[in-house]
Amino acid sequence: PIDYMIALSASVSFLEDKLFFEKIKEQFPNIKIFVSADYALDLKLLKENIIAAVDGYLLDFTSADIYEYIGDNNLANLTDLLIAEKLKDINFELGNRKKIIKNYSMPQPQHFLFDTKKYRYPFNRFGYCRGLLASFGCPYNCSYCVSARLPYKIRALDEILTEIENIRSYNINELHFDDQTFLTEHSQDNAIAIANHLIKTNYRGGWVC
């Protein structure tokens, strides 16, 4: 049986996502669905658009709070997780959660789980591609962008380089860095080191950021 589902959603796909979550709940009544979405950062908007099928909301999709909650269902000290049934009792604004975190560590993505042949862009020059992130979020505060309210996390360089080599071991020669802002004054050392690594290891594929 499936106990938990963790999903990404967005305002632009709200209606489609809502229908999808409802169908999942209908098929698996006991599943707990947790969603990370831009609309979850606006408490007023969230309360106006409650999805009955969703059990909780992640305020930062890179946070480990969901794993802590799954482990013991204890909400103590979990600042990035909202439980849907408790939303009506929350009266404070979520506010700006911006902070800059360097050398952020995370487990290595398991790229071997994905079917390589299903990942390709029309502009790829060297076959199939794989996406990766050197950072999460953005350091800037643009009023129109949800990233202005999220922490900016720059991954540890050694973990990025390890992931690059893991991807290359599957004969994938197109790297897509899907960072929202790959090169900033905070991440430029990592960006230069990544470029130098590709040169030193004689990388002959394509890469986009």
C-alpha atoms as a PDB file:
ATOM      1  CA  PRO A   1       0.000   0.000   0.000  1.00  0.00           C
ATOM      2  CA  ILE A   2       1.007   3.608  -0.575  1.00  0.00           C
ATOM      3  CA  ASP A   3       1.167   5.533   2.707  1.00  0.00           C
ATOM      4  CA  TYR A   4       2.423   8.960   1.610  1.00  0.00           C
ATOM      5  CA  MET A   5       2.584  11.021  -1.542  1.00  0.00           C
ATOM      6  CA  ILE A   6       4.741  14.160  -1.825  1.00  0.00           C
ATOM      7  CA  ALA A   7       3.954  16.403  -4.779  1.00  0.00           C
ATOM      8  CA  LEU A   8       4.833  19.744  -6.332  1.00  0.00           C
ATOM      9  CA  SER A   9       1.987  22.034  -7.325  1.00  0.00           C
ATOM     10  CA  ALA A  10       1.589  25.642  -8.503  1.00  0.00           C
ATOM     11  CA  SER A  11      -1.012  28.354  -8.900  1.00  0.00           C
ATOM     12  CA  VAL A  12      -0.910  28.033 -12.690  1.00  0.00           C
ATOM     13  CA  SER A  13      -1.875  24.355 -12.507  1.00  0.00           C
ATOM     14  CA  PHE A  14      -4.077  24.544  -9.401  1.00  0.00           C
ATOM     15  CA  LEU A  15      -7.296  23.209 -10.949  1.00  0.00           C
ATOM     16  CA  GLU A  16      -5.577  20.313 -12.724  1.00  0.00           C
ATOM     17  CA  ASP A  17      -3.568  19.451  -9.616  1.00  0.00           C
ATOM     18  CA  LYS A  18      -6.667  19.597  -7.412  1.00  0.00           C
ATOM     19  CA  LEU A  19      -8.451  17.116  -9.675  1.00  0.00           C
ATOM     20  CA  PHE A  20      -5.377  14.853  -9.716  1.00  0.00           C
ATOM     21  CA  PHE A  21      -5.070  14.830  -5.908  1.00  0.00           C
ATOM     22  CA  GLU A  22      -8.780  14.093  -5.541  1.00  0.00           C
ATOM     23  CA  LYS A  23      -8.521  11.125  -7.906  1.00  0.00           C
ATOM     24  CA  ILE A  24      -5.498   9.779  -6.052  1.00  0.00           C
ATOM     25  CA  LYS A  25      -7.363  10.069  -2.737  1.00  0.00           C
ATOM     26  CA  GLU A  26     -10.385   8.354  -4.241  1.00  0.00           C
ATOM     27  CA  GLN A  27      -8.299   5.415  -5.368  1.00  0.00           C
ATOM     28  CA  PHE A  28      -6.164   5.286  -2.207  1.00  0.00           C
ATOM     29  CA  PRO A  29      -8.383   6.582   0.649  1.00  0.00           C
ATOM     30  CA  ASN A  30      -5.752   6.086   3.359  1.00  0.00           C
ATOM     31  CA  ILE A  31      -2.903   7.842   1.580  1.00  0.00           C
ATOM     32  CA  LYS A  32      -1.609  11.095   3.079  1.00  0.00           C
ATOM     33  CA  ILE A  33      -0.855  13.728   0.446  1.00  0.00           C
ATOM     34  CA  PHE A  34       1.613  16.527   1.141  1.00  0.00           C
ATOM     35  CA  VAL A  35       2.088  19.327  -1.367  1.00  0.00           C
ATOM     36  CA  SER A  36       4.768  21.948  -1.910  1.00  0.00           C
ATOM     37  CA  ALA A  37       3.324  24.930  -3.803  1.00  0.00           C
ATOM     38  CA  ASP A  38       3.701  28.673  -4.262  1.00  0.00           C
ATOM     39  CA  TYR A  39       0.139  29.276  -3.018  1.00  0.00           C
ATOM     40  CA  ALA A  40       1.035  27.566   0.273  1.00  0.00           C
ATOM     41  CA  LEU A  41       3.234  30.566   1.127  1.00  0.00           C
ATOM     42  CA  ASP A  42       0.234  32.907   1.129  1.00  0.00           C
ATOM     43  CA  LEU A  43      -1.897  31.888   4.089  1.00  0.00           C
ATOM     44  CA  LYS A  44      -4.954  33.863   2.979  1.00  0.00           C
ATOM     45  CA  LEU A  45      -4.769  32.380  -0.513  1.00  0.00           C
ATOM     46  CA  LEU A  46      -4.214  28.909   0.902  1.00  0.00           C
ATOM     47  CA  LYS A  47      -7.271  29.110   3.163  1.00  0.00           C
ATOM     48  CA  GLU A  48      -9.375  30.280   0.218  1.00  0.00           C
ATOM     49  CA  ASN A  49      -8.245  27.350  -1.928  1.00  0.00           C
ATOM     50  CA  ILE A  50      -8.306  24.398   0.423  1.00  0.00           C
ATOM     51  CA  ILE A  51      -8.012  21.050  -1.338  1.00  0.00           C
ATOM     52  CA  ALA A  52      -9.859  18.489   0.749  1.00  0.00           C
ATOM     53  CA  ALA A  53      -7.676  15.650  -0.563  1.00  0.00           C
ATOM     54  CA  VAL A  54      -4.443  17.298   0.639  1.00  0.00           C
ATOM     55  CA  ASP A  55      -3.311  16.535   4.187  1.00  0.00           C
ATOM     56  CA  GLY A  56      -0.505  19.060   4.502  1.00  0.00           C
ATOM     57  CA  TYR A  57       1.704  21.635   2.822  1.00  0.00           C
ATOM     58  CA  LEU A  58       5.477  21.978   2.633  1.00  0.00           C
ATOM     59  CA  LEU A  59       6.659  25.584   2.774  1.00  0.00           C
ATOM     60  CA  ASP A  60      10.125  24.649   1.460  1.00  0.00           C
ATOM     61  CA  PHE A  61      10.394  21.683  -0.901  1.00  0.00           C
ATOM     62  CA  THR A  62      14.024  21.080   0.112  1.00  0.00           C
ATOM     63  CA  SER A  63      13.193  20.847   3.817  1.00  0.00           C
ATOM     64  CA  ALA A  64      13.602  17.567   5.685  1.00  0.00           C
ATOM     65  CA  ASP A  65      10.557  18.324   7.870  1.00  0.00           C
ATOM     66  CA  ILE A  66       8.331  15.954   5.912  1.00  0.00           C
ATOM     67  CA  TYR A  67      10.669  13.048   6.658  1.00  0.00           C
ATOM     68  CA  GLU A  68      10.731  13.965  10.334  1.00  0.00           C
ATOM     69  CA  TYR A  69       6.939  14.033  10.356  1.00  0.00           C
ATOM     70  CA  ILE A  70       6.606  10.699   8.564  1.00  0.00           C
ATOM     71  CA  GLY A  71       8.992   9.210  11.100  1.00  0.00           C
ATOM     72  CA  ASP A  72       6.999  10.068  14.235  1.00  0.00           C
ATOM     73  CA  ASN A  73       4.055  12.356  13.280  1.00  0.00           C
ATOM     74  CA  ASN A  74       5.405  14.913  15.726  1.00  0.00           C
ATOM     75  CA  LEU A  75       5.059  18.527  14.614  1.00  0.00           C
ATOM     76  CA  ALA A  76       7.297  19.924  17.338  1.00  0.00           C
ATOM     77  CA  ASN A  77      10.039  22.157  15.908  1.00  0.00           C
ATOM     78  CA  LEU A  78       8.883  21.568  12.318  1.00  0.00           C
ATOM     79  CA  THR A  79       8.771  25.059  10.804  1.00  0.00           C
ATOM     80  CA  ASP A  80       8.319  24.096   7.138  1.00  0.00           C
ATOM     81  CA  LEU A  81       5.209  21.936   7.426  1.00  0.00           C
ATOM     82  CA  LEU A  82       1.534  22.899   7.741  1.00  0.00           C
ATOM     83  CA  ILE A  83      -1.138  20.302   8.516  1.00  0.00           C
ATOM     84  CA  ALA A  84      -4.312  21.023   6.555  1.00  0.00           C
ATOM     85  CA  GLU A  85      -6.753  20.307   9.378  1.00  0.00           C
ATOM     86  CA  LYS A  86      -4.987  22.901  11.546  1.00  0.00           C
ATOM     87  CA  LEU A  87      -4.998  25.716   8.979  1.00  0.00           C
ATOM     88  CA  LYS A  88      -8.175  27.294  10.376  1.00  0.00           C
ATOM     89  CA  ASP A  89      -6.385  27.833  13.698  1.00  0.00           C
ATOM     90  CA  ILE A  90      -3.382  29.619  12.165  1.00  0.00           C
ATOM     91  CA  ASN A  91      -3.732  33.400  12.313  1.00  0.00           C
ATOM     92  CA  PHE A  92      -0.156  34.566  11.739  1.00  0.00           C
ATOM     93  CA  GLU A  93       1.454  35.499   8.431  1.00  0.00           C
ATOM     94  CA  LEU A  94       4.091  33.115   7.130  1.00  0.00           C
ATOM     95  CA  GLY A  95       6.276  36.086   6.262  1.00  0.00           C
ATOM     96  CA  ASN A  96       9.556  36.249   4.396  1.00  0.00           C
ATOM     97  CA  ARG A  97      11.572  33.077   4.880  1.00  0.00           C
ATOM     98  CA  LYS A  98      14.568  34.354   2.956  1.00  0.00           C
ATOM     99  CA  LYS A  99      18.027  33.356   4.135  1.00  0.00           C
ATOM    100  CA  ILE A 100      21.213  32.291   2.385  1.00  0.00           C
ATOM    101  CA  ILE A 101      22.619  28.868   3.194  1.00  0.00           C
ATOM    102  CA  LYS A 102      25.962  27.743   1.774  1.00  0.00           C
ATOM    103  CA  ASN A 103      27.378  24.202   1.594  1.00  0.00           C
ATOM    104  CA  TYR A 104      23.884  22.756   1.777  1.00  0.00           C
ATOM    105  CA  SER A 105      24.063  18.954   1.920  1.00  0.00           C
ATOM    106  CA  MET A 106      21.535  16.492   0.556  1.00  0.00           C
ATOM    107  CA  PRO A 107      21.484  12.804  -0.463  1.00  0.00           C
ATOM    108  CA  GLN A 108      22.622  11.995  -3.976  1.00  0.00           C
ATOM    109  CA  PRO A 109      19.723  11.811  -6.456  1.00  0.00           C
ATOM    110  CA  GLN A 110      19.202   8.272  -7.735  1.00  0.00           C
ATOM    111  CA  HIS A 111      19.440   8.941 -11.466  1.00  0.00           C
ATOM    112  CA  PHE A 112      19.451   5.246 -12.331  1.00  0.00           C
ATOM    113  CA  LEU A 113      15.762   5.107 -11.391  1.00  0.00           C
ATOM    114  CA  PHE A 114      14.796   7.194 -14.419  1.00  0.00           C
ATOM    115  CA  ASP A 115      14.382   5.964 -17.967  1.00  0.00           C
ATOM    116  CA  THR A 116      17.090   7.865 -19.836  1.00  0.00           C
ATOM    117  CA  LYS A 117      15.245   7.669 -23.144  1.00  0.00           C
ATOM    118  CA  LYS A 118      12.381   9.781 -21.781  1.00  0.00           C
ATOM    119  CA  TYR A 119      14.598  12.788 -21.051  1.00  0.00           C
ATOM    120  CA  ARG A 120      15.584  14.851 -24.048  1.00  0.00           C
ATOM    121  CA  TYR A 121      15.160  18.426 -25.246  1.00  0.00           C
ATOM    122  CA  PRO A 122      14.865  19.404 -28.935  1.00  0.00           C
ATOM    123  CA  PHE A 123      18.042  21.466 -28.665  1.00  0.00           C
ATOM    124  CA  ASN A 124      20.179  18.626 -27.249  1.00  0.00           C
ATOM    125  CA  ARG A 125      23.250  18.050 -29.378  1.00  0.00           C
ATOM    126  CA  PHE A 126      24.665  14.954 -27.689  1.00  0.00           C
ATOM    127  CA  GLY A 127      21.704  12.681 -27.054  1.00  0.00           C
ATOM    128  CA  TYR A 128      19.795  12.275 -23.850  1.00  0.00           C
ATOM    129  CA  CYS A 129      19.963  14.676 -20.942  1.00  0.00           C
ATOM    130  CA  ARG A 130      19.624  14.816 -17.210  1.00  0.00           C
ATOM    131  CA  GLY A 131      18.643  17.740 -15.022  1.00  0.00           C
ATOM    132  CA  LEU A 132      20.403  18.684 -11.805  1.00  0.00           C
ATOM    133  CA  LEU A 133      20.508  21.562  -9.340  1.00  0.00           C
ATOM    134  CA  ALA A 134      23.563  23.307  -7.943  1.00  0.00           C
ATOM    135  CA  SER A 135      21.343  25.496  -5.780  1.00  0.00           C
ATOM    136  CA  PHE A 136      17.755  25.886  -4.650  1.00  0.00           C
ATOM    137  CA  GLY A 137      15.837  29.140  -4.719  1.00  0.00           C
ATOM    138  CA  CYS A 138      17.220  32.581  -5.463  1.00  0.00           C
ATOM    139  CA  PRO A 139      18.972  35.294  -3.419  1.00  0.00           C
ATOM    140  CA  TYR A 140      16.982  38.167  -4.900  1.00  0.00           C
ATOM    141  CA  ASN A 141      13.689  39.667  -3.761  1.00  0.00           C
ATOM    142  CA  CYS A 142      11.615  40.235  -6.899  1.00  0.00           C
ATOM    143  CA  SER A 143       8.049  41.024  -5.854  1.00  0.00           C
ATOM    144  CA  TYR A 144       6.483  38.912  -8.632  1.00  0.00           C
ATOM    145  CA  CYS A 145       8.381  35.702  -7.832  1.00  0.00           C
ATOM    146  CA  VAL A 146       7.679  33.163  -5.107  1.00  0.00           C
ATOM    147  CA  SER A 147      11.421  32.460  -4.763  1.00  0.00           C
ATOM    148  CA  ALA A 148      11.764  35.792  -2.991  1.00  0.00           C
ATOM    149  CA  ARG A 149      10.133  34.145   0.023  1.00  0.00           C
ATOM    150  CA  LEU A 150      12.190  30.955   0.047  1.00  0.00           C
ATOM    151  CA  PRO A 151      15.643  30.218   1.454  1.00  0.00           C
ATOM    152  CA  TYR A 152      18.497  30.290  -1.055  1.00  0.00           C
ATOM    153  CA  LYS A 153      20.506  27.095  -0.620  1.00  0.00           C
ATOM    154  CA  ILE A 154      23.827  26.572  -2.390  1.00  0.00           C
ATOM    155  CA  ARG A 155      24.841  22.927  -2.500  1.00  0.00           C
ATOM    156  CA  ALA A 156      28.201  21.694  -1.317  1.00  0.00           C
ATOM    157  CA  LEU A 157      30.593  21.658  -4.291  1.00  0.00           C
ATOM    158  CA  ASP A 158      31.857  18.114  -3.752  1.00  0.00           C
ATOM    159  CA  GLU A 159      28.277  16.791  -3.838  1.00  0.00           C
ATOM    160  CA  ILE A 160      27.553  18.612  -7.106  1.00  0.00           C
ATOM    161  CA  LEU A 161      30.692  17.200  -8.738  1.00  0.00           C
ATOM    162  CA  THR A 162      29.845  13.707  -7.494  1.00  0.00           C
ATOM    163  CA  GLU A 163      26.400  13.978  -9.047  1.00  0.00           C
ATOM    164  CA  ILE A 164      27.880  15.142 -12.343  1.00  0.00           C
ATOM    165  CA  GLU A 165      30.146  12.102 -12.446  1.00  0.00           C
ATOM    166  CA  ASN A 166      27.267   9.798 -11.492  1.00  0.00           C
ATOM    167  CA  ILE A 167      25.264  11.144 -14.431  1.00  0.00           C
ATOM    168  CA  ARG A 168      28.199  10.759 -16.804  1.00  0.00           C
ATOM    169  CA  SER A 169      28.623   7.126 -15.714  1.00  0.00           C
ATOM    170  CA  TYR A 170      25.302   6.386 -17.446  1.00  0.00           C
ATOM    171  CA  ASN A 171      26.693   7.696 -20.763  1.00  0.00           C
ATOM    172  CA  ILE A 172      24.574  10.839 -20.564  1.00  0.00           C
ATOM    173  CA  ASN A 173      26.271  13.763 -22.274  1.00  0.00           C
ATOM    174  CA  GLU A 174      23.815  16.599 -21.729  1.00  0.00           C
ATOM    175  CA  LEU A 175      23.693  18.338 -18.347  1.00  0.00           C
ATOM    176  CA  HIS A 176      20.870  20.759 -17.607  1.00  0.00           C
ATOM    177  CA  PHE A 177      21.392  22.881 -14.514  1.00  0.00           C
ATOM    178  CA  ASP A 178      17.844  23.847 -13.640  1.00  0.00           C
ATOM    179  CA  ASP A 179      18.759  26.396 -10.987  1.00  0.00           C
ATOM    180  CA  GLN A 180      16.561  29.470 -10.882  1.00  0.00           C
ATOM    181  CA  THR A 181      19.753  31.543 -10.679  1.00  0.00           C
ATOM    182  CA  PHE A 182      22.826  29.474 -11.482  1.00  0.00           C
ATOM    183  CA  LEU A 183      25.362  32.309 -11.242  1.00  0.00           C
ATOM    184  CA  THR A 184      25.114  34.874  -8.451  1.00  0.00           C
ATOM    185  CA  GLU A 185      27.603  36.682  -6.251  1.00  0.00           C
ATOM    186  CA  HIS A 186      26.971  33.937  -3.676  1.00  0.00           C
ATOM    187  CA  SER A 187      27.426  30.954  -5.998  1.00  0.00           C
ATOM    188  CA  GLN A 188      30.075  32.160  -8.448  1.00  0.00           C
ATOM    189  CA  ASP A 189      32.880  30.154  -6.807  1.00  0.00           C
ATOM    190  CA  ASN A 190      30.877  26.963  -7.298  1.00  0.00           C
ATOM    191  CA  ALA A 191      29.935  27.903 -10.863  1.00  0.00           C
ATOM    192  CA  ILE A 192      33.590  28.499 -11.811  1.00  0.00           C
ATOM    193  CA  ALA A 193      34.651  25.269 -10.088  1.00  0.00           C
ATOM    194  CA  ILE A 194      31.996  23.299 -11.995  1.00  0.00           C
ATOM    195  CA  ALA A 195      33.180  24.729 -15.321  1.00  0.00           C
ATOM    196  CA  ASN A 196      36.811  23.970 -14.456  1.00  0.00           C
ATOM    197  CA  HIS A 197      35.879  20.431 -13.453  1.00  0.00           C
ATOM    198  CA  LEU A 198      34.237  19.794 -16.817  1.00  0.00           C
ATOM    199  CA  ILE A 199      37.352  21.094 -18.585  1.00  0.00           C
ATOM    200  CA  LYS A 200      39.786  19.074 -16.457  1.00  0.00           C
ATOM    201  CA  THR A 201      37.805  15.858 -16.878  1.00  0.00           C
ATOM    202  CA  ASN A 202      37.688  16.328 -20.653  1.00  0.00           C
ATOM    203  CA  TYR A 203      33.899  16.626 -20.812  1.00  0.00           C
ATOM    204  CA  ARG A 204      32.785  16.631 -24.433  1.00  0.00           C
ATOM    205  CA  GLY A 205      29.038  16.904 -23.976  1.00  0.00           C
ATOM    206  CA  GLY A 206      26.675  19.838 -23.689  1.00  0.00           C
ATOM    207  CA  TRP A 207      25.557  21.755 -20.643  1.00  0.00           C
ATOM    208  CA  VAL A 208      22.985  24.445 -20.108  1.00  0.00           C
ATOM    209  CA  CYS A 209      22.171  26.659 -17.144  1.00  0.00           C
END
